[in-house]
Amino acid sequence: MATTVSQRATFSIVTTEESSSGLGTTRKVHSLLHEGTTGPDFKVYPTGTTAASQQQDKVASATGSLVATTLALDLAGGLTDIEGVAITMVEVTGITIKNKSTVSGEILIVGAGSNPLLNWIKATGDAVHIGPSGILHITSPIDGYAITASTGDILTIDSGAATISYEYIIHGRSA
């Protein structure tokens, strides 16, 4: 059975800033839109796209809890698809991780660890902190983040000393 993967991501931030003074009210709206299939900045590249550099044919997701421990996601054969078949990605094209905690100080640490997936961070040992109710979302649908089996294929999610619930979805390609 063939599996088809497609993705639509819409991300919008709108912040309104107001300042009152003797001259009246000044207002500025700050906005950023990262839209899916209809936007100019991001597109869906399903299986079968003629340009392999734009294909995203692998996806894995999970929800769980870490109890003062580390989750090491093996991106070169350690995840499974919808049919329970092992996924082997050669590049990651998108990583989204949500810290479901609402307790101050409960931070998920993503990255670092042994045999880390690089290219999305500066160097081995680097990590990103996701605070309570925070989300890390990073995509590179054209170039991707290269995976090197056995030496650069682990994405680590660490809860430190806390018990933290999380969600993740990882998109990638097999060629």
N, C-alpha and C. Protein backbone atom coordinates (compact mmCIF):
# COMPACT_ATOMS: atom_id res chain seq x y z
N MET A 1 0.84 -1.18 0.00
CA MET A 1 0.00 0.00 0.00
C MET A 1 0.89 1.24 0.00
N ALA A 2 0.59 2.20 -0.86
CA ALA A 2 1.35 3.44 -0.95
C ALA A 2 0.82 4.45 0.06
N THR A 3 1.71 5.18 0.67
CA THR A 3 1.34 6.22 1.62
C THR A 3 1.64 7.57 1.00
N THR A 4 0.69 8.48 1.06
CA THR A 4 0.87 9.83 0.55
C THR A 4 0.88 10.79 1.72
N VAL A 5 1.82 11.72 1.72
CA VAL A 5 1.93 12.71 2.79
C VAL A 5 1.80 14.09 2.17
N SER A 6 0.93 14.93 2.73
CA SER A 6 0.88 16.33 2.33
C SER A 6 0.77 17.15 3.60
N GLN A 7 1.12 18.41 3.48
CA GLN A 7 1.19 19.27 4.67
C GLN A 7 0.61 20.63 4.34
N ARG A 8 -0.12 21.19 5.27
CA ARG A 8 -0.54 22.58 5.17
C ARG A 8 -0.26 23.22 6.52
N ALA A 9 0.51 24.28 6.49
CA ALA A 9 0.85 24.99 7.72
C ALA A 9 0.42 26.43 7.59
N THR A 10 -0.31 26.90 8.57
CA THR A 10 -0.67 28.31 8.62
C THR A 10 -0.27 28.83 10.00
N PHE A 11 0.52 29.88 9.98
CA PHE A 11 1.05 30.43 11.22
C PHE A 11 0.89 31.93 11.13
N SER A 12 0.18 32.51 12.08
CA SER A 12 -0.08 33.95 12.04
C SER A 12 0.12 34.56 13.42
N ILE A 13 0.85 35.65 13.46
CA ILE A 13 1.01 36.41 14.69
C ILE A 13 0.59 37.84 14.40
N VAL A 14 -0.32 38.37 15.20
CA VAL A 14 -0.73 39.76 15.09
C VAL A 14 -0.68 40.36 16.49
N THR A 15 0.15 41.37 16.67
CA THR A 15 0.30 42.05 17.95
C THR A 15 0.01 43.53 17.75
N THR A 16 -0.85 44.07 18.60
CA THR A 16 -1.18 45.49 18.52
C THR A 16 -0.49 46.23 19.67
N GLU A 17 0.19 47.30 19.31
CA GLU A 17 0.91 48.12 20.29
C GLU A 17 0.26 49.50 20.28
N GLU A 18 -0.09 50.01 21.46
CA GLU A 18 -0.68 51.34 21.56
C GLU A 18 0.05 52.17 22.59
N SER A 19 0.16 53.46 22.31
CA SER A 19 0.80 54.39 23.23
C SER A 19 -0.02 55.67 23.25
N SER A 20 -0.35 56.11 24.45
CA SER A 20 -1.11 57.36 24.60
C SER A 20 -0.20 58.45 25.12
N SER A 21 -0.35 59.62 24.56
CA SER A 21 0.41 60.78 25.03
C SER A 21 -0.48 62.01 24.89
N GLY A 22 0.07 63.16 25.20
CA GLY A 22 -0.69 64.41 25.08
C GLY A 22 -1.09 64.71 23.65
N LEU A 23 -0.47 64.06 22.69
CA LEU A 23 -0.76 64.29 21.28
C LEU A 23 -1.78 63.31 20.73
N GLY A 24 -2.27 62.42 21.55
CA GLY A 24 -3.23 61.43 21.09
C GLY A 24 -2.70 60.01 21.25
N THR A 25 -3.34 59.08 20.59
CA THR A 25 -2.97 57.67 20.67
C THR A 25 -2.26 57.24 19.40
N THR A 26 -1.11 56.62 19.58
CA THR A 26 -0.37 56.05 18.46
C THR A 26 -0.58 54.55 18.50
N ARG A 27 -0.84 53.97 17.34
CA ARG A 27 -1.11 52.54 17.28
C ARG A 27 -0.29 51.92 16.14
N LYS A 28 0.30 50.78 16.43
CA LYS A 28 1.04 50.06 15.40
C LYS A 28 0.65 48.58 15.50
N VAL A 29 0.42 47.97 14.34
CA VAL A 29 0.10 46.55 14.29
C VAL A 29 1.31 45.83 13.70
N HIS A 30 1.84 44.88 14.45
CA HIS A 30 2.96 44.05 14.00
C HIS A 30 2.36 42.72 13.56
N SER A 31 2.71 42.23 12.38
CA SER A 31 2.14 40.96 11.94
C SER A 31 3.12 40.16 11.11
N LEU A 32 2.97 38.85 11.21
CA LEU A 32 3.74 37.91 10.42
C LEU A 32 2.80 36.79 10.02
N LEU A 33 2.76 36.46 8.74
CA LEU A 33 1.91 35.40 8.26
C LEU A 33 2.76 34.39 7.51
N HIS A 34 2.65 33.15 7.90
CA HIS A 34 3.34 32.03 7.25
C HIS A 34 2.23 31.08 6.85
N GLU A 35 1.80 31.16 5.59
CA GLU A 35 0.59 30.46 5.18
C GLU A 35 0.88 29.22 4.35
N GLY A 36 -0.05 28.31 4.34
CA GLY A 36 0.08 27.04 3.63
C GLY A 36 -0.06 27.14 2.14
N THR A 37 -0.87 26.28 1.58
CA THR A 37 -0.92 26.06 0.13
C THR A 37 -1.25 27.29 -0.69
N THR A 38 -1.92 28.27 -0.12
CA THR A 38 -2.29 29.43 -0.93
C THR A 38 -1.32 30.59 -0.77
N GLY A 39 -0.41 30.50 0.18
CA GLY A 39 0.52 31.61 0.42
C GLY A 39 1.78 31.51 -0.41
N PRO A 40 2.46 32.64 -0.62
CA PRO A 40 3.65 32.66 -1.45
C PRO A 40 4.90 32.11 -0.74
N ASP A 41 4.88 32.04 0.58
CA ASP A 41 6.10 31.70 1.31
C ASP A 41 6.23 30.23 1.66
N PHE A 42 5.17 29.46 1.52
CA PHE A 42 5.23 28.06 1.91
C PHE A 42 4.27 27.27 1.05
N LYS A 43 4.69 26.14 0.60
CA LYS A 43 3.85 25.32 -0.27
C LYS A 43 3.82 23.89 0.22
N VAL A 44 2.83 23.14 -0.21
CA VAL A 44 2.75 21.73 0.10
C VAL A 44 3.43 20.98 -1.04
N TYR A 45 4.34 20.08 -0.69
CA TYR A 45 5.05 19.29 -1.68
C TYR A 45 4.76 17.83 -1.42
N PRO A 46 3.72 17.26 -2.04
CA PRO A 46 3.35 15.88 -1.77
C PRO A 46 4.27 14.87 -2.44
N THR A 47 4.14 13.63 -2.03
CA THR A 47 4.84 12.53 -2.68
C THR A 47 4.58 12.60 -4.17
N GLY A 48 5.61 12.37 -4.96
CA GLY A 48 5.46 12.39 -6.40
C GLY A 48 5.84 13.71 -7.03
N THR A 49 6.20 14.71 -6.22
CA THR A 49 6.65 15.98 -6.77
C THR A 49 7.87 15.70 -7.64
N THR A 50 7.95 16.32 -8.78
CA THR A 50 9.04 16.02 -9.70
C THR A 50 10.40 16.45 -9.16
N ALA A 51 10.45 17.51 -8.39
CA ALA A 51 11.72 17.96 -7.81
C ALA A 51 11.89 17.28 -6.45
N ALA A 52 12.84 16.36 -6.34
CA ALA A 52 13.03 15.62 -5.09
C ALA A 52 13.33 16.55 -3.93
N SER A 53 13.95 17.71 -4.21
CA SER A 53 14.29 18.63 -3.13
C SER A 53 13.05 19.29 -2.54
N GLN A 54 11.89 19.09 -3.15
CA GLN A 54 10.66 19.68 -2.62
C GLN A 54 9.68 18.62 -2.12
N GLN A 55 10.07 17.38 -2.12
CA GLN A 55 9.18 16.29 -1.72
C GLN A 55 9.21 16.11 -0.21
N GLN A 56 8.05 15.88 0.38
CA GLN A 56 7.93 15.50 1.78
C GLN A 56 7.07 14.25 1.81
N ASP A 57 7.70 13.09 1.93
CA ASP A 57 6.93 11.85 1.84
C ASP A 57 6.96 11.03 3.12
N LYS A 58 7.51 11.57 4.18
CA LYS A 58 7.56 10.86 5.46
C LYS A 58 7.05 11.78 6.57
N VAL A 59 6.29 11.21 7.49
CA VAL A 59 5.78 11.98 8.62
C VAL A 59 5.62 11.05 9.83
N ALA A 60 5.92 11.59 10.99
CA ALA A 60 5.73 10.86 12.25
C ALA A 60 5.24 11.84 13.29
N SER A 61 4.36 11.39 14.16
CA SER A 61 3.88 12.25 15.24
C SER A 61 3.57 11.42 16.46
N ALA A 62 3.57 12.08 17.60
CA ALA A 62 3.24 11.40 18.86
C ALA A 62 2.90 12.42 19.92
N THR A 63 2.20 11.94 20.92
CA THR A 63 1.89 12.69 22.13
C THR A 63 2.29 11.81 23.29
N GLY A 64 2.89 12.40 24.31
CA GLY A 64 3.29 11.60 25.45
C GLY A 64 3.72 12.46 26.61
N SER A 65 4.28 11.82 27.62
CA SER A 65 4.80 12.52 28.79
C SER A 65 6.20 12.01 29.09
N LEU A 66 7.06 12.93 29.46
CA LEU A 66 8.41 12.59 29.90
C LEU A 66 8.47 12.80 31.40
N VAL A 67 8.92 11.80 32.12
CA VAL A 67 9.02 11.88 33.57
C VAL A 67 10.49 11.97 33.93
N ALA A 68 10.99 13.21 34.03
CA ALA A 68 12.40 13.46 34.37
C ALA A 68 13.33 12.60 33.52
N THR A 69 13.10 12.64 32.21
CA THR A 69 13.89 11.79 31.32
C THR A 69 14.07 12.45 29.97
N THR A 70 14.74 11.73 29.08
CA THR A 70 15.02 12.21 27.73
C THR A 70 14.42 11.24 26.72
N LEU A 71 13.81 11.80 25.68
CA LEU A 71 13.30 11.02 24.56
C LEU A 71 14.26 11.24 23.40
N ALA A 72 14.82 10.16 22.87
CA ALA A 72 15.74 10.24 21.73
C ALA A 72 15.02 9.69 20.50
N LEU A 73 14.63 10.59 19.60
CA LEU A 73 13.92 10.19 18.38
C LEU A 73 14.94 9.86 17.30
N ASP A 74 14.98 8.60 16.89
CA ASP A 74 15.91 8.15 15.84
C ASP A 74 15.23 8.39 14.49
N LEU A 75 15.70 9.41 13.78
CA LEU A 75 15.07 9.82 12.53
C LEU A 75 15.46 8.96 11.33
N ALA A 76 16.42 8.07 11.53
CA ALA A 76 16.86 7.18 10.45
C ALA A 76 16.48 5.74 10.75
N GLY A 77 15.18 5.51 11.00
CA GLY A 77 14.71 4.15 11.19
C GLY A 77 14.02 3.87 12.51
N GLY A 78 13.97 4.84 13.41
CA GLY A 78 13.38 4.59 14.72
C GLY A 78 11.94 5.03 14.87
N LEU A 79 11.39 5.73 13.89
CA LEU A 79 10.00 6.17 13.93
C LEU A 79 9.18 5.30 12.98
N THR A 80 7.85 5.32 13.14
CA THR A 80 7.00 4.51 12.27
C THR A 80 5.92 5.38 11.62
N ASP A 81 5.43 4.89 10.47
CA ASP A 81 4.37 5.61 9.77
C ASP A 81 3.00 5.12 10.21
N ILE A 82 1.98 5.51 9.50
CA ILE A 82 0.60 5.17 9.83
C ILE A 82 0.35 3.66 9.85
N GLU A 83 1.14 2.90 9.08
CA GLU A 83 0.98 1.45 9.01
C GLU A 83 1.90 0.71 9.97
N GLY A 84 2.66 1.45 10.79
CA GLY A 84 3.58 0.83 11.72
C GLY A 84 4.90 0.41 11.10
N VAL A 85 5.15 0.87 9.88
CA VAL A 85 6.39 0.54 9.17
C VAL A 85 7.46 1.57 9.54
N ALA A 86 8.69 1.10 9.78
CA ALA A 86 9.79 1.99 10.14
C ALA A 86 10.03 3.03 9.05
N ILE A 87 10.22 4.27 9.47
CA ILE A 87 10.50 5.38 8.56
C ILE A 87 11.99 5.65 8.56
N THR A 88 12.55 5.77 7.36
CA THR A 88 13.94 6.20 7.24
C THR A 88 13.94 7.49 6.43
N MET A 89 14.26 8.59 7.10
CA MET A 89 14.34 9.89 6.44
C MET A 89 15.80 10.17 6.10
N VAL A 90 16.03 10.83 4.98
CA VAL A 90 17.38 11.30 4.66
C VAL A 90 17.50 12.79 4.96
N GLU A 91 16.35 13.48 5.01
CA GLU A 91 16.30 14.88 5.41
C GLU A 91 15.02 15.15 6.18
N VAL A 92 15.12 15.99 7.18
CA VAL A 92 13.95 16.48 7.89
C VAL A 92 13.56 17.80 7.24
N THR A 93 12.27 17.97 6.95
CA THR A 93 11.80 19.21 6.33
C THR A 93 10.97 20.06 7.29
N GLY A 94 10.54 19.49 8.40
CA GLY A 94 9.78 20.25 9.37
C GLY A 94 9.77 19.59 10.73
N ILE A 95 9.91 20.40 11.76
CA ILE A 95 9.86 19.92 13.15
C ILE A 95 8.91 20.84 13.90
N THR A 96 7.89 20.25 14.54
CA THR A 96 7.00 21.02 15.40
C THR A 96 6.89 20.25 16.72
N ILE A 97 7.22 20.93 17.80
CA ILE A 97 7.16 20.31 19.14
C ILE A 97 6.44 21.28 20.07
N LYS A 98 5.47 20.75 20.81
CA LYS A 98 4.70 21.57 21.75
C LYS A 98 4.94 21.08 23.18
N ASN A 99 5.23 22.02 24.07
CA ASN A 99 5.32 21.75 25.49
C ASN A 99 3.92 21.97 26.05
N LYS A 100 3.27 20.91 26.49
CA LYS A 100 1.88 20.99 26.94
C LYS A 100 1.74 21.40 28.41
N SER A 101 2.86 21.59 29.09
CA SER A 101 2.81 22.01 30.48
C SER A 101 2.30 23.44 30.59
N THR A 102 1.63 23.74 31.69
CA THR A 102 1.20 25.11 31.97
C THR A 102 1.84 25.60 33.27
N VAL A 103 2.86 24.89 33.72
CA VAL A 103 3.53 25.22 34.98
C VAL A 103 4.82 25.97 34.71
N SER A 104 4.96 27.13 35.29
CA SER A 104 6.17 27.94 35.11
C SER A 104 7.42 27.14 35.47
N GLY A 105 8.42 27.24 34.65
CA GLY A 105 9.70 26.56 34.91
C GLY A 105 9.80 25.16 34.30
N GLU A 106 8.71 24.60 33.81
CA GLU A 106 8.76 23.27 33.19
C GLU A 106 9.11 23.43 31.71
N ILE A 107 10.40 23.30 31.42
CA ILE A 107 10.95 23.60 30.11
C ILE A 107 11.40 22.32 29.41
N LEU A 108 10.98 22.16 28.15
CA LEU A 108 11.50 21.07 27.32
C LEU A 108 12.77 21.57 26.65
N ILE A 109 13.79 20.73 26.63
CA ILE A 109 15.05 21.06 25.97
C ILE A 109 15.14 20.18 24.72
N VAL A 110 15.24 20.82 23.56
CA VAL A 110 15.26 20.09 22.28
C VAL A 110 16.62 20.28 21.63
N GLY A 111 17.26 19.16 21.28
CA GLY A 111 18.58 19.21 20.66
C GLY A 111 19.63 18.61 21.57
N ALA A 112 20.90 18.88 21.27
CA ALA A 112 22.04 18.35 22.01
C ALA A 112 21.98 16.82 22.01
N GLY A 113 22.44 16.18 23.06
CA GLY A 113 22.40 14.72 23.13
C GLY A 113 23.45 14.04 22.28
N SER A 114 23.39 12.72 22.22
CA SER A 114 24.33 11.92 21.44
C SER A 114 23.88 11.80 20.00
N ASN A 115 24.80 11.84 19.06
CA ASN A 115 24.53 11.71 17.62
C ASN A 115 23.39 12.62 17.17
N PRO A 116 23.47 13.92 17.51
CA PRO A 116 22.33 14.81 17.26
C PRO A 116 22.12 15.15 15.78
N LEU A 117 20.85 15.34 15.43
CA LEU A 117 20.52 15.93 14.15
C LEU A 117 21.06 17.34 14.17
N LEU A 118 21.88 17.67 13.20
CA LEU A 118 22.45 19.03 13.13
C LEU A 118 21.81 19.78 11.97
N ASN A 119 22.37 20.86 11.58
CA ASN A 119 21.93 21.72 10.47
C ASN A 119 20.79 22.64 10.86
N TRP A 120 19.94 22.28 11.79
CA TRP A 120 18.86 23.18 12.22
C TRP A 120 19.31 24.01 13.42
N ILE A 121 20.42 23.61 14.02
CA ILE A 121 21.05 24.37 15.09
C ILE A 121 22.50 24.62 14.70
N LYS A 122 23.21 25.46 15.44
CA LYS A 122 24.56 25.87 15.05
C LYS A 122 25.60 24.77 15.20
N ALA A 123 25.59 24.06 16.33
CA ALA A 123 26.66 23.09 16.57
C ALA A 123 26.22 21.99 17.52
N THR A 124 27.00 20.91 17.56
CA THR A 124 26.74 19.82 18.49
C THR A 124 26.70 20.40 19.90
N GLY A 125 25.73 19.98 20.68
CA GLY A 125 25.58 20.47 22.04
C GLY A 125 24.59 21.62 22.17
N ASP A 126 24.25 22.27 21.05
CA ASP A 126 23.27 23.35 21.09
C ASP A 126 21.87 22.79 21.27
N ALA A 127 21.01 23.57 21.93
CA ALA A 127 19.64 23.13 22.16
C ALA A 127 18.73 24.35 22.21
N VAL A 128 17.44 24.10 22.10
CA VAL A 128 16.42 25.13 22.18
C VAL A 128 15.54 24.81 23.38
N HIS A 129 15.19 25.82 24.16
CA HIS A 129 14.29 25.65 25.30
C HIS A 129 12.88 26.03 24.86
N ILE A 130 11.93 25.14 25.15
CA ILE A 130 10.52 25.43 24.89
C ILE A 130 9.83 25.56 26.24
N GLY A 131 9.42 26.76 26.57
CA GLY A 131 8.76 27.02 27.85
C GLY A 131 7.35 26.48 27.89
N PRO A 132 6.71 26.54 29.07
CA PRO A 132 5.35 26.04 29.24
C PRO A 132 4.39 26.65 28.21
N SER A 133 3.57 25.81 27.60
CA SER A 133 2.61 26.20 26.56
C SER A 133 3.29 26.73 25.30
N GLY A 134 4.59 26.54 25.18
CA GLY A 134 5.34 27.01 24.02
C GLY A 134 5.41 25.99 22.91
N ILE A 135 5.72 26.49 21.72
CA ILE A 135 5.84 25.64 20.53
C ILE A 135 7.12 26.01 19.79
N LEU A 136 7.85 24.98 19.37
CA LEU A 136 8.97 25.15 18.44
C LEU A 136 8.47 24.68 17.08
N HIS A 137 8.58 25.54 16.09
CA HIS A 137 8.17 25.17 14.73
C HIS A 137 9.24 25.68 13.79
N ILE A 138 9.87 24.76 13.08
CA ILE A 138 10.92 25.13 12.15
C ILE A 138 10.76 24.29 10.89
N THR A 139 10.85 24.93 9.73
CA THR A 139 10.71 24.21 8.47
C THR A 139 11.81 24.61 7.50
N SER A 140 12.13 23.68 6.63
CA SER A 140 13.04 23.92 5.51
C SER A 140 12.62 22.97 4.39
N PRO A 141 11.47 23.27 3.75
CA PRO A 141 10.92 22.34 2.78
C PRO A 141 11.74 22.19 1.50
N ILE A 142 12.61 23.12 1.21
CA ILE A 142 13.39 23.01 -0.02
C ILE A 142 14.74 22.36 0.25
N ASP A 143 15.53 22.88 1.17
CA ASP A 143 16.86 22.31 1.45
C ASP A 143 16.82 21.17 2.46
N GLY A 144 15.91 21.22 3.41
CA GLY A 144 15.84 20.20 4.45
C GLY A 144 17.05 20.25 5.39
N TYR A 145 17.02 19.41 6.40
CA TYR A 145 18.11 19.24 7.36
C TYR A 145 18.61 17.81 7.20
N ALA A 146 19.82 17.65 6.69
CA ALA A 146 20.36 16.33 6.36
C ALA A 146 20.51 15.45 7.60
N ILE A 147 20.20 14.18 7.42
CA ILE A 147 20.35 13.17 8.46
C ILE A 147 21.51 12.27 8.08
N THR A 148 22.36 11.99 9.04
CA THR A 148 23.46 11.05 8.84
C THR A 148 23.23 9.87 9.76
N ALA A 149 22.85 8.72 9.20
CA ALA A 149 22.54 7.54 10.00
C ALA A 149 23.70 7.19 10.93
N SER A 150 23.38 6.90 12.15
CA SER A 150 24.30 6.46 13.22
C SER A 150 25.15 7.57 13.82
N THR A 151 25.33 8.70 13.14
CA THR A 151 26.16 9.77 13.72
C THR A 151 25.44 11.11 13.82
N GLY A 152 24.37 11.30 13.08
CA GLY A 152 23.65 12.57 13.11
C GLY A 152 22.19 12.37 12.81
N ASP A 153 21.53 11.50 13.59
CA ASP A 153 20.15 11.15 13.29
C ASP A 153 19.22 11.18 14.50
N ILE A 154 19.66 11.73 15.61
CA ILE A 154 18.86 11.72 16.83
C ILE A 154 18.36 13.13 17.17
N LEU A 155 17.05 13.27 17.35
CA LEU A 155 16.46 14.50 17.85
C LEU A 155 16.05 14.23 19.29
N THR A 156 16.66 14.96 20.21
CA THR A 156 16.45 14.72 21.63
C THR A 156 15.46 15.71 22.21
N ILE A 157 14.52 15.20 23.01
CA ILE A 157 13.58 16.03 23.76
C ILE A 157 13.77 15.66 25.23
N ASP A 158 14.15 16.62 26.05
CA ASP A 158 14.51 16.38 27.45
C ASP A 158 13.62 17.20 28.37
N SER A 159 13.06 16.56 29.40
CA SER A 159 12.20 17.27 30.35
C SER A 159 12.94 17.70 31.61
N GLY A 160 14.26 17.48 31.65
CA GLY A 160 15.00 17.84 32.86
C GLY A 160 14.50 17.03 34.04
N ALA A 161 14.25 17.67 35.17
CA ALA A 161 13.78 16.98 36.37
C ALA A 161 12.25 16.96 36.48
N ALA A 162 11.57 17.54 35.50
CA ALA A 162 10.12 17.68 35.57
C ALA A 162 9.39 16.54 34.84
N THR A 163 8.09 16.48 35.05
CA THR A 163 7.21 15.62 34.27
C THR A 163 6.45 16.53 33.33
N ILE A 164 6.70 16.36 32.02
CA ILE A 164 6.13 17.28 31.04
C ILE A 164 5.48 16.49 29.90
N SER A 165 4.26 16.88 29.56
CA SER A 165 3.58 16.31 28.40
C SER A 165 3.99 17.08 27.16
N TYR A 166 4.04 16.38 26.03
CA TYR A 166 4.50 16.99 24.78
C TYR A 166 3.70 16.43 23.61
N GLU A 167 3.81 17.11 22.50
CA GLU A 167 3.33 16.63 21.20
C GLU A 167 4.42 16.95 20.20
N TYR A 168 4.59 16.09 19.20
CA TYR A 168 5.49 16.44 18.10
C TYR A 168 4.96 15.91 16.78
N ILE A 169 5.39 16.57 15.72
CA ILE A 169 5.16 16.10 14.36
C ILE A 169 6.42 16.44 13.58
N ILE A 170 6.94 15.45 12.87
CA ILE A 170 8.17 15.63 12.12
C ILE A 170 7.90 15.21 10.67
N HIS A 171 8.22 16.11 9.74
CA HIS A 171 8.08 15.84 8.30
C HIS A 171 9.47 15.64 7.73
N GLY A 172 9.58 14.79 6.72
CA GLY A 172 10.86 14.58 6.07
C GLY A 172 10.69 13.93 4.71
N ARG A 173 11.82 13.57 4.15
CA ARG A 173 11.79 12.90 2.84
C ARG A 173 12.75 11.73 2.84
N SER A 174 12.44 10.78 1.96
CA SER A 174 13.24 9.55 1.89
C SER A 174 14.27 9.62 0.78
N ALA A 175 14.20 10.61 -0.09
CA ALA A 175 15.18 10.72 -1.18
C ALA A 175 15.41 12.16 -1.53
